[in-house]
C-alpha atoms as a PDB file:
ATOM      1  CA  MET A   1       0.000   0.000   0.000  1.00  0.00           C
ATOM      2  CA  PHE A   2       1.151   3.519  -0.697  1.00  0.00           C
ATOM      3  CA  ILE A   3       1.397   5.628   2.413  1.00  0.00           C
ATOM      4  CA  ALA A   4       0.226   9.192   2.005  1.00  0.00           C
ATOM      5  CA  GLY A   5       0.760  11.940   4.507  1.00  0.00           C
ATOM      6  CA  SER A   6      -2.048  13.938   6.046  1.00  0.00           C
ATOM      7  CA  ASN A   7      -1.488  16.785   3.567  1.00  0.00           C
ATOM      8  CA  SER A   8      -1.120  14.508   0.549  1.00  0.00           C
ATOM      9  CA  PRO A   9      -3.800  14.741  -2.155  1.00  0.00           C
ATOM     10  CA  ILE A  10      -3.395  11.002  -2.790  1.00  0.00           C
ATOM     11  CA  LYS A  11      -6.153   8.901  -1.238  1.00  0.00           C
ATOM     12  CA  ASN A  12      -5.426   5.206  -0.995  1.00  0.00           C
ATOM     13  CA  THR A  13      -7.993   2.863  -2.499  1.00  0.00           C
ATOM     14  CA  SER A  14      -9.333   0.405   0.041  1.00  0.00           C
ATOM     15  CA  TYR A  15      -7.662  -2.992   0.072  1.00  0.00           C
ATOM     16  CA  LYS A  16     -11.161  -4.474  -0.106  1.00  0.00           C
ATOM     17  CA  VAL A  17     -11.351  -3.252  -3.702  1.00  0.00           C
ATOM     18  CA  VAL A  18      -7.942  -4.573  -4.709  1.00  0.00           C
ATOM     19  CA  LEU A  19      -7.785  -8.010  -3.050  1.00  0.00           C
ATOM     20  CA  PRO A  20     -10.606  -9.655  -5.058  1.00  0.00           C
ATOM     21  CA  PHE A  21      -8.717  -8.937  -8.272  1.00  0.00           C
ATOM     22  CA  TYR A  22      -5.501 -10.377  -6.845  1.00  0.00           C
ATOM     23  CA  GLY A  23      -7.235 -13.482  -5.511  1.00  0.00           C
ATOM     24  CA  TYR A  24      -8.994 -14.073  -8.813  1.00  0.00           C
ATOM     25  CA  ALA A  25      -5.730 -13.642 -10.726  1.00  0.00           C
ATOM     26  CA  ALA A  26      -3.945 -16.166  -8.499  1.00  0.00           C
ATOM     27  CA  LEU A  27      -6.745 -18.691  -8.957  1.00  0.00           C
ATOM     28  CA  SER A  28      -6.704 -18.150 -12.733  1.00  0.00           C
ATOM     29  CA  PHE A  29      -2.961 -18.788 -12.840  1.00  0.00           C
ATOM     30  CA  LEU A  30      -3.497 -22.063 -10.973  1.00  0.00           C
ATOM     31  CA  ILE A  31      -6.319 -23.114 -13.311  1.00  0.00           C
ATOM     32  CA  ALA A  32      -4.264 -22.225 -16.400  1.00  0.00           C
ATOM     33  CA  SER A  33      -1.374 -24.331 -15.072  1.00  0.00           C
ATOM     34  CA  ILE A  34      -3.702 -27.287 -14.477  1.00  0.00           C
ATOM     35  CA  LEU A  35      -5.209 -26.959 -17.953  1.00  0.00           C
ATOM     36  CA  LEU A  36      -1.722 -26.885 -19.435  1.00  0.00           C
ATOM     37  CA  LEU A  37      -0.687 -30.004 -17.502  1.00  0.00           C
ATOM     38  CA  MET A  38      -3.828 -31.816 -18.630  1.00  0.00           C
ATOM     39  CA  ASP A  39      -3.025 -31.280 -22.311  1.00  0.00           C
ATOM     40  CA  PRO A  40       0.603 -30.166 -22.878  1.00  0.00           C
ATOM     41  CA  SER A  41       0.502 -31.313 -26.500  1.00  0.00           C
ATOM     42  CA  ALA A  42      -2.031 -28.584 -27.299  1.00  0.00           C
ATOM     43  CA  PHE A  43       0.775 -26.037 -27.651  1.00  0.00           C
ATOM     44  CA  THR A  44       2.585 -28.191 -30.191  1.00  0.00           C
ATOM     45  CA  GLN A  45      -0.445 -28.106 -32.499  1.00  0.00           C
ATOM     46  CA  HIS A  46      -2.239 -25.292 -34.307  1.00  0.00           C
ATOM     47  CA  TYR A  47      -2.381 -22.077 -32.265  1.00  0.00           C
ATOM     48  CA  PHE A  48      -6.117 -21.736 -32.890  1.00  0.00           C
ATOM     49  CA  GLY A  49      -6.938 -24.986 -31.095  1.00  0.00           C
ATOM     50  CA  PRO A  50      -9.651 -25.007 -28.380  1.00  0.00           C
ATOM     51  CA  HIS A  51      -7.365 -25.862 -25.448  1.00  0.00           C
ATOM     52  CA  THR A  52      -4.704 -23.401 -26.576  1.00  0.00           C
ATOM     53  CA  LEU A  53      -7.291 -20.620 -26.756  1.00  0.00           C
ATOM     54  CA  ALA A  54      -8.628 -21.567 -23.323  1.00  0.00           C
ATOM     55  CA  VAL A  55      -5.209 -21.524 -21.640  1.00  0.00           C
ATOM     56  CA  THR A  56      -4.086 -18.363 -23.444  1.00  0.00           C
ATOM     57  CA  HIS A  57      -7.172 -16.388 -22.453  1.00  0.00           C
ATOM     58  CA  THR A  58      -7.092 -17.737 -18.905  1.00  0.00           C
ATOM     59  CA  MET A  59      -3.592 -16.301 -18.592  1.00  0.00           C
ATOM     60  CA  ALA A  60      -4.243 -13.079 -20.535  1.00  0.00           C
ATOM     61  CA  LEU A  61      -7.639 -12.223 -19.030  1.00  0.00           C
ATOM     62  CA  GLY A  62      -7.902 -14.179 -15.798  1.00  0.00           C
ATOM     63  CA  TRP A  63      -4.334 -13.660 -14.619  1.00  0.00           C
ATOM     64  CA  GLY A  64      -2.644 -10.749 -16.417  1.00  0.00           C
ATOM     65  CA  THR A  65      -5.578  -8.423 -16.971  1.00  0.00           C
ATOM     66  CA  MET A  66      -7.238  -9.027 -13.593  1.00  0.00           C
ATOM     67  CA  ILE A  67      -4.040  -8.421 -11.636  1.00  0.00           C
ATOM     68  CA  ILE A  68      -3.375  -5.213 -13.613  1.00  0.00           C
ATOM     69  CA  LEU A  69      -6.953  -4.044 -13.046  1.00  0.00           C
ATOM     70  CA  GLY A  70      -6.593  -4.665  -9.323  1.00  0.00           C
ATOM     71  CA  ALA A  71      -3.216  -2.969  -9.052  1.00  0.00           C
ATOM     72  CA  SER A  72      -4.220   0.003 -11.161  1.00  0.00           C
ATOM     73  CA  HIS A  73      -7.196   0.757  -8.928  1.00  0.00           C
ATOM     74  CA  GLN A  74      -4.596   1.503  -6.283  1.00  0.00           C
ATOM     75  CA  LEU A  75      -1.875   2.903  -8.537  1.00  0.00           C
ATOM     76  CA  PHE A  76      -4.008   5.248 -10.627  1.00  0.00           C
ATOM     77  CA  PRO A  77      -4.588   7.643  -7.685  1.00  0.00           C
ATOM     78  CA  VAL A  78      -0.793   7.844  -7.417  1.00  0.00           C
ATOM     79  CA  LEU A  79      -0.522   8.733 -11.110  1.00  0.00           C
ATOM     80  CA  ILE A  80      -3.116  11.503 -10.946  1.00  0.00           C
ATOM     81  CA  GLU A  81      -2.241  12.542  -7.381  1.00  0.00           C
ATOM     82  CA  GLY A  82      -5.880  12.281  -6.426  1.00  0.00           C
ATOM     83  CA  LYS A  83      -8.348   9.582  -5.505  1.00  0.00           C
ATOM     84  CA  LEU A  84     -10.311   6.870  -7.250  1.00  0.00           C
ATOM     85  CA  HIS A  85     -13.741   8.158  -8.195  1.00  0.00           C
ATOM     86  CA  SER A  86     -15.874   5.173  -7.218  1.00  0.00           C
ATOM     87  CA  ASN A  87     -15.379   1.902  -5.366  1.00  0.00           C
ATOM     88  CA  VAL A  88     -18.768   0.790  -6.677  1.00  0.00           C
ATOM     89  CA  LEU A  89     -17.558   0.995 -10.291  1.00  0.00           C
ATOM     90  CA  ALA A  90     -14.461  -0.960  -9.259  1.00  0.00           C
ATOM     91  CA  TYR A  91     -16.636  -3.706  -7.738  1.00  0.00           C
ATOM     92  CA  LEU A  92     -18.829  -3.719 -10.856  1.00  0.00           C
ATOM     93  CA  SER A  93     -15.756  -4.073 -13.038  1.00  0.00           C
ATOM     94  CA  PHE A  94     -14.636  -7.053 -10.971  1.00  0.00           C
ATOM     95  CA  ALA A  95     -18.086  -8.682 -10.925  1.00  0.00           C
ATOM     96  CA  PHE A  96     -18.605  -8.407 -14.681  1.00  0.00           C
ATOM     97  CA  ALA A  97     -15.121  -9.764 -15.436  1.00  0.00           C
ATOM     98  CA  ALA A  98     -15.268 -12.487 -12.775  1.00  0.00           C
ATOM     99  CA  ILE A  99     -18.439 -13.902 -14.340  1.00  0.00           C
ATOM    100  CA  GLY A 100     -17.591 -13.256 -17.984  1.00  0.00           C
ATOM    101  CA  ILE A 101     -14.086 -14.733 -18.058  1.00  0.00           C
ATOM    102  CA  PRO A 102     -14.970 -18.318 -16.996  1.00  0.00           C
ATOM    103  CA  LEU A 103     -17.950 -18.330 -19.391  1.00  0.00           C
ATOM    104  CA  LEU A 104     -15.632 -17.361 -22.234  1.00  0.00           C
ATOM    105  CA  ILE A 105     -12.916 -19.839 -21.182  1.00  0.00           C
ATOM    106  CA  PHE A 106     -15.454 -22.669 -20.957  1.00  0.00           C
ATOM    107  CA  SER A 107     -16.699 -21.832 -24.446  1.00  0.00           C
ATOM    108  CA  PHE A 108     -13.168 -21.836 -25.830  1.00  0.00           C
ATOM    109  CA  TYR A 109     -12.399 -25.157 -24.145  1.00  0.00           C
ATOM    110  CA  LYS A 110     -15.520 -26.723 -25.674  1.00  0.00           C
ATOM    111  CA  PHE A 111     -15.080 -24.632 -28.837  1.00  0.00           C
ATOM    112  CA  ASP A 112     -18.705 -23.595 -28.707  1.00  0.00           C
ATOM    113  CA  MET A 113     -19.098 -19.954 -29.744  1.00  0.00           C
ATOM    114  CA  GLY A 114     -22.804 -19.825 -29.034  1.00  0.00           C
ATOM    115  CA  LEU A 115     -24.823 -18.001 -26.416  1.00  0.00           C
ATOM    116  CA  ILE A 116     -22.504 -18.682 -23.457  1.00  0.00           C
ATOM    117  CA  ALA A 117     -19.480 -17.298 -25.312  1.00  0.00           C
ATOM    118  CA  ARG A 118     -21.426 -14.201 -26.347  1.00  0.00           C
ATOM    119  CA  ILE A 119     -22.606 -13.547 -22.804  1.00  0.00           C
ATOM    120  CA  GLY A 120     -19.087 -14.017 -21.441  1.00  0.00           C
ATOM    121  CA  ALA A 121     -17.520 -11.663 -23.995  1.00  0.00           C
ATOM    122  CA  SER A 122     -20.263  -9.077 -23.414  1.00  0.00           C
ATOM    123  CA  LEU A 123     -19.721  -9.147 -19.640  1.00  0.00           C
ATOM    124  CA  ILE A 124     -15.981  -8.661 -20.121  1.00  0.00           C
ATOM    125  CA  ASN A 125     -16.706  -5.589 -22.236  1.00  0.00           C
ATOM    126  CA  LEU A 126     -19.033  -4.255 -19.531  1.00  0.00           C
ATOM    127  CA  ALA A 127     -16.186  -4.719 -17.038  1.00  0.00           C
ATOM    128  CA  VAL A 128     -13.853  -2.683 -19.247  1.00  0.00           C
ATOM    129  CA  ILE A 129     -16.490   0.034 -19.723  1.00  0.00           C
ATOM    130  CA  SER A 130     -16.958   0.294 -15.941  1.00  0.00           C
ATOM    131  CA  TYR A 131     -13.197   0.541 -15.541  1.00  0.00           C
ATOM    132  CA  ILE A 132     -12.872   3.235 -18.231  1.00  0.00           C
ATOM    133  CA  ALA A 133     -15.678   5.266 -16.651  1.00  0.00           C
ATOM    134  CA  ASN A 134     -14.008   5.054 -13.241  1.00  0.00           C
ATOM    135  CA  LEU A 135     -10.628   6.217 -14.539  1.00  0.00           C
ATOM    136  CA  TRP A 136     -12.158   8.974 -16.681  1.00  0.00           C
ATOM    137  CA  LEU A 137     -14.181  10.351 -13.777  1.00  0.00           C
ATOM    138  CA  SER A 138     -11.134  10.096 -11.523  1.00  0.00           C
ATOM    139  CA  MET A 139      -9.105  12.158 -13.991  1.00  0.00           C
ATOM    140  CA  SER A 140     -11.946  14.651 -14.491  1.00  0.00           C
ATOM    141  CA  ASN A 141     -12.259  15.230 -10.750  1.00  0.00           C
ATOM    142  CA  ASN A 142      -8.551  15.957 -10.489  1.00  0.00           C
ATOM    143  CA  LYS A 143      -6.926  18.955 -12.207  1.00  0.00           C
ATOM    144  CA  LYS A 144      -3.405  17.505 -12.181  1.00  0.00           C
ATOM    145  CA  GLN A 145      -2.778  15.560 -15.379  1.00  0.00           C
ATOM    146  CA  ASN A 146       0.543  13.998 -16.356  1.00  0.00           C
ATOM    147  CA  VAL A 147       2.057  11.715 -18.953  1.00  0.00           C
ATOM    148  CA  HIS A 148       1.874   8.667 -16.672  1.00  0.00           C
ATOM    149  CA  ALA A 149      -1.904   8.938 -16.307  1.00  0.00           C
ATOM    150  CA  VAL A 150      -2.275   9.480 -20.065  1.00  0.00           C
ATOM    151  CA  PHE A 151      -0.267   6.291 -20.695  1.00  0.00           C
ATOM    152  CA  ALA A 152      -2.515   4.328 -18.339  1.00  0.00           C
ATOM    153  CA  PHE A 153      -5.801   5.716 -19.624  1.00  0.00           C
ATOM    154  CA  THR A 154      -4.838   5.257 -23.279  1.00  0.00           C
ATOM    155  CA  SER A 155      -3.897   1.650 -22.567  1.00  0.00           C
ATOM    156  CA  VAL A 156      -7.419   1.065 -21.258  1.00  0.00           C
ATOM    157  CA  LEU A 157      -8.871   2.464 -24.490  1.00  0.00           C
ATOM    158  CA  TRP A 158      -6.763  -0.047 -26.416  1.00  0.00           C
ATOM    159  CA  LEU A 159      -8.030  -2.738 -24.025  1.00  0.00           C
ATOM    160  CA  PHE A 160     -11.592  -1.791 -24.946  1.00  0.00           C
ATOM    161  CA  LEU A 161     -10.745  -2.055 -28.645  1.00  0.00           C
ATOM    162  CA  THR A 162      -9.203  -5.471 -27.928  1.00  0.00           C
ATOM    163  CA  THR A 163     -12.197  -6.833 -26.029  1.00  0.00           C
ATOM    164  CA  GLY A 164     -14.621  -5.174 -28.443  1.00  0.00           C
ATOM    165  CA  LEU A 165     -12.919  -6.863 -31.376  1.00  0.00           C
ATOM    166  CA  GLY A 166     -12.927 -10.102 -29.398  1.00  0.00           C
ATOM    167  CA  LEU A 167     -16.710  -9.842 -28.998  1.00  0.00           C
ATOM    168  CA  LEU A 168     -17.091  -9.300 -32.751  1.00  0.00           C
ATOM    169  CA  LEU A 169     -14.896 -12.335 -33.410  1.00  0.00           C
ATOM    170  CA  ILE A 170     -17.145 -14.452 -31.179  1.00  0.00           C
ATOM    171  CA  TRP A 171     -20.236 -13.334 -33.116  1.00  0.00           C
ATOM    172  CA  ASN A 172     -18.383 -13.845 -36.380  1.00  0.00           C
ATOM    173  CA  PHE A 173     -18.084 -17.580 -35.684  1.00  0.00           C
ATOM    174  CA  THR A 174     -21.826 -18.143 -35.970  1.00  0.00           C
ATOM    175  CA  SER A 175     -22.988 -15.166 -38.038  1.00  0.00           C
ATOM    176  CA  ARG A 176     -21.318 -13.104 -40.741  1.00  0.00           C
ATOM    177  CA  THR A 177     -20.418 -10.065 -38.626  1.00  0.00           C
ATOM    178  CA  LEU A 178     -17.049  -9.239 -40.223  1.00  0.00           C
ATOM    179  CA  SER A 179     -15.910  -9.326 -43.834  1.00  0.00           C
ATOM    180  CA  ASN A 180     -13.426 -12.165 -43.180  1.00  0.00           C
ATOM    181  CA  ASP A 181     -13.263 -15.206 -40.928  1.00  0.00           C
ATOM    182  CA  SER A 182     -12.242 -14.756 -37.278  1.00  0.00           C
ATOM    183  CA  LEU A 183      -8.795 -16.269 -37.803  1.00  0.00           C
ATOM    184  CA  HIS A 184      -7.963 -13.402 -40.182  1.00  0.00           C
ATOM    185  CA  TYR A 185      -8.270 -10.843 -37.357  1.00  0.00           C
ATOM    186  CA  LEU A 186      -6.358 -12.812 -34.725  1.00  0.00           C
ATOM    187  CA  SER A 187      -3.037 -10.999 -35.217  1.00  0.00           C
ATOM    188  CA  LEU A 188      -4.761  -7.618 -34.861  1.00  0.00           C
ATOM    189  CA  HIS A 189      -6.555  -8.791 -31.718  1.00  0.00           C
ATOM    190  CA  ALA A 190      -3.294 -10.005 -30.190  1.00  0.00           C
ATOM    191  CA  HIS A 191      -1.248  -6.890 -31.036  1.00  0.00           C
ATOM    192  CA  LEU A 192      -3.864  -4.501 -29.673  1.00  0.00           C
ATOM    193  CA  GLY A 193      -3.891  -6.408 -26.397  1.00  0.00           C
ATOM    194  CA  ILE A 194      -0.172  -7.013 -25.959  1.00  0.00           C
ATOM    195  CA  ILE A 195       1.124  -3.622 -27.127  1.00  0.00           C
ATOM    196  CA  GLY A 196      -1.821  -1.309 -26.624  1.00  0.00           C
ATOM    197  CA  TRP A 197      -2.983  -2.687 -23.271  1.00  0.00           C
ATOM    198  CA  PHE A 198      -0.086  -4.436 -21.534  1.00  0.00           C
ATOM    199  CA  LEU A 199       2.906  -2.467 -22.863  1.00  0.00           C
ATOM    200  CA  LEU A 200       1.407   1.020 -22.531  1.00  0.00           C
ATOM    201  CA  MET A 201       0.107   0.327 -19.020  1.00  0.00           C
ATOM    202  CA  ILE A 202       3.422  -1.138 -17.849  1.00  0.00           C
ATOM    203  CA  ILE A 203       5.446   1.790 -19.255  1.00  0.00           C
ATOM    204  CA  GLY A 204       3.061   4.365 -17.806  1.00  0.00           C
ATOM    205  CA  VAL A 205       3.007   2.869 -14.321  1.00  0.00           C
ATOM    206  CA  GLY A 206       6.664   1.829 -14.356  1.00  0.00           C
ATOM    207  CA  SER A 207       7.904   5.270 -15.404  1.00  0.00           C
ATOM    208  CA  ARG A 208       6.134   6.686 -12.351  1.00  0.00           C
ATOM    209  CA  LEU A 209       7.117   4.031  -9.809  1.00  0.00           C
ATOM    210  CA  ILE A 210      10.779   3.535 -10.765  1.00  0.00           C
ATOM    211  CA  PRO A 211      11.843   7.086  -9.739  1.00  0.00           C
ATOM    212  CA  MET A 212       9.783   6.712  -6.549  1.00  0.00           C
ATOM    213  CA  PHE A 213      11.337   3.482  -5.288  1.00  0.00           C
ATOM    214  CA  LEU A 214      14.792   3.223  -6.855  1.00  0.00           C
ATOM    215  CA  ILE A 215      17.920   5.243  -6.063  1.00  0.00           C
ATOM    216  CA  SER A 216      17.801   7.093  -9.369  1.00  0.00           C
ATOM    217  CA  LYS A 217      15.360   9.999  -9.487  1.00  0.00           C
ATOM    218  CA  TYR A 218      15.923  10.573 -13.207  1.00  0.00           C
ATOM    219  CA  GLU A 219      12.762  11.363 -15.134  1.00  0.00           C
ATOM    220  CA  ASN A 220      12.454  12.798 -18.618  1.00  0.00           C
ATOM    221  CA  LYS A 221       8.819  13.578 -19.371  1.00  0.00           C
ATOM    222  CA  LYS A 222       9.593  14.864 -22.851  1.00  0.00           C
ATOM    223  CA  ARG A 223      11.111  11.510 -23.748  1.00  0.00           C
ATOM    224  CA  LEU A 224       8.122   9.738 -22.231  1.00  0.00           C
ATOM    225  CA  TRP A 225       5.804  11.750 -24.474  1.00  0.00           C
ATOM    226  CA  TRP A 226       7.864  10.699 -27.493  1.00  0.00           C
ATOM    227  CA  ILE A 227       7.623   7.055 -26.409  1.00  0.00           C
ATOM    228  CA  TYR A 228       3.867   7.486 -26.022  1.00  0.00           C
ATOM    229  CA  ILE A 229       3.518   9.025 -29.493  1.00  0.00           C
ATOM    230  CA  LEU A 230       5.699   6.405 -31.195  1.00  0.00           C
ATOM    231  CA  ILE A 231       3.929   3.407 -29.651  1.00  0.00           C
ATOM    232  CA  ASN A 232       0.466   4.716 -30.455  1.00  0.00           C
ATOM    233  CA  ALA A 233       1.501   5.824 -33.937  1.00  0.00           C
ATOM    234  CA  GLY A 234       2.896   2.350 -34.570  1.00  0.00           C
ATOM    235  CA  LEU A 235      -0.376   0.751 -33.487  1.00  0.00           C
ATOM    236  CA  ILE A 236      -2.440   3.107 -35.633  1.00  0.00           C
ATOM    237  CA  ILE A 237      -0.225   2.442 -38.664  1.00  0.00           C
ATOM    238  CA  PHE A 238      -0.481  -1.313 -38.070  1.00  0.00           C
ATOM    239  CA  TYR A 239      -4.259  -0.949 -37.776  1.00  0.00           C
ATOM    240  CA  SER A 240      -4.357   0.996 -41.067  1.00  0.00           C
ATOM    241  CA  PHE A 241      -2.179  -1.516 -42.888  1.00  0.00           C
ATOM    242  CA  PHE A 242      -4.361  -4.346 -41.613  1.00  0.00           C
ATOM    243  CA  PHE A 243      -7.788  -2.980 -42.492  1.00  0.00           C
ATOM    244  CA  TYR A 244      -6.920  -1.117 -45.672  1.00  0.00           C
ATOM    245  CA  GLN A 245      -4.607  -3.914 -46.833  1.00  0.00           C
ATOM    246  CA  LEU A 246      -1.773  -1.508 -47.527  1.00  0.00           C
ATOM    247  CA  ASN A 247       1.546  -2.921 -48.626  1.00  0.00           C
ATOM    248  CA  PRO A 248       4.379  -1.582 -46.407  1.00  0.00           C
ATOM    249  CA  ASN A 249       6.939  -2.021 -49.226  1.00  0.00           C
ATOM    250  CA  PHE A 250       4.751   0.064 -51.541  1.00  0.00           C
ATOM    251  CA  ILE A 251       4.421   2.816 -48.923  1.00  0.00           C
ATOM    252  CA  LEU A 252       8.200   2.921 -48.395  1.00  0.00           C
ATOM    253  CA  PHE A 253       8.724   3.087 -52.169  1.00  0.00           C
ATOM    254  CA  ARG A 254       6.360   6.090 -52.446  1.00  0.00           C
ATOM    255  CA  LEU A 255       8.138   7.811 -49.566  1.00  0.00           C
ATOM    256  CA  ARG A 256      11.487   7.373 -51.316  1.00  0.00           C
ATOM    257  CA  LEU A 257      10.024   9.012 -54.425  1.00  0.00           C
ATOM    258  CA  LEU A 258       8.875  11.971 -52.340  1.00  0.00           C
ATOM    259  CA  VAL A 259      12.329  12.351 -50.860  1.00  0.00           C
END
């Protein structure tokens, strides 16, 4: 827990909000390990196999995402030097995700993308929406904005795009929701989650905590802004190449002609 002085604007989030996320993440890690032990050959086969999808999403959603959500409910007040807007929204975020994730994992394991999978994916998106609303209101209530908070909040927007696309992919299995099959969009889904969600959040939080707890107090906010711009620009360019089917070699050739 972060200890704030009596005159500090930082208000610690109650441990009662954070612990459920941590406990759920620990349980998910255990379940993912058991699933992996039950069928280790799954990871030597096609990456779109049912058991591989189940284990991967148990780790990515149940373990990684839930532990980041829990930690960020306590760390975000440090980033904005204020307080979390609502514990109720935090509990709602946990409840939606805690119910939605196992429904989605079960559907992946059985490879049944019907009603249960749709409900699970929808609940996960509701969890992300609750989380976004909580962070946005927390930032709005506090006048001090900084690059670290922008990193964290932007990462959550990429998370919403990731889970939103995931919901569309679930629907696309049983009805023609997208122009291509779900496998076509898998690389986009993965990159949005890994780079947009995990990487941006880790850099934003880490760049704030490292000067606080290590010997070095070095901090270059201008460089952090450049890192922020480059990562997001890279994701947007990747998104454009993917959806508009642009050829990177052709783009580089045209740029050479302009030079």
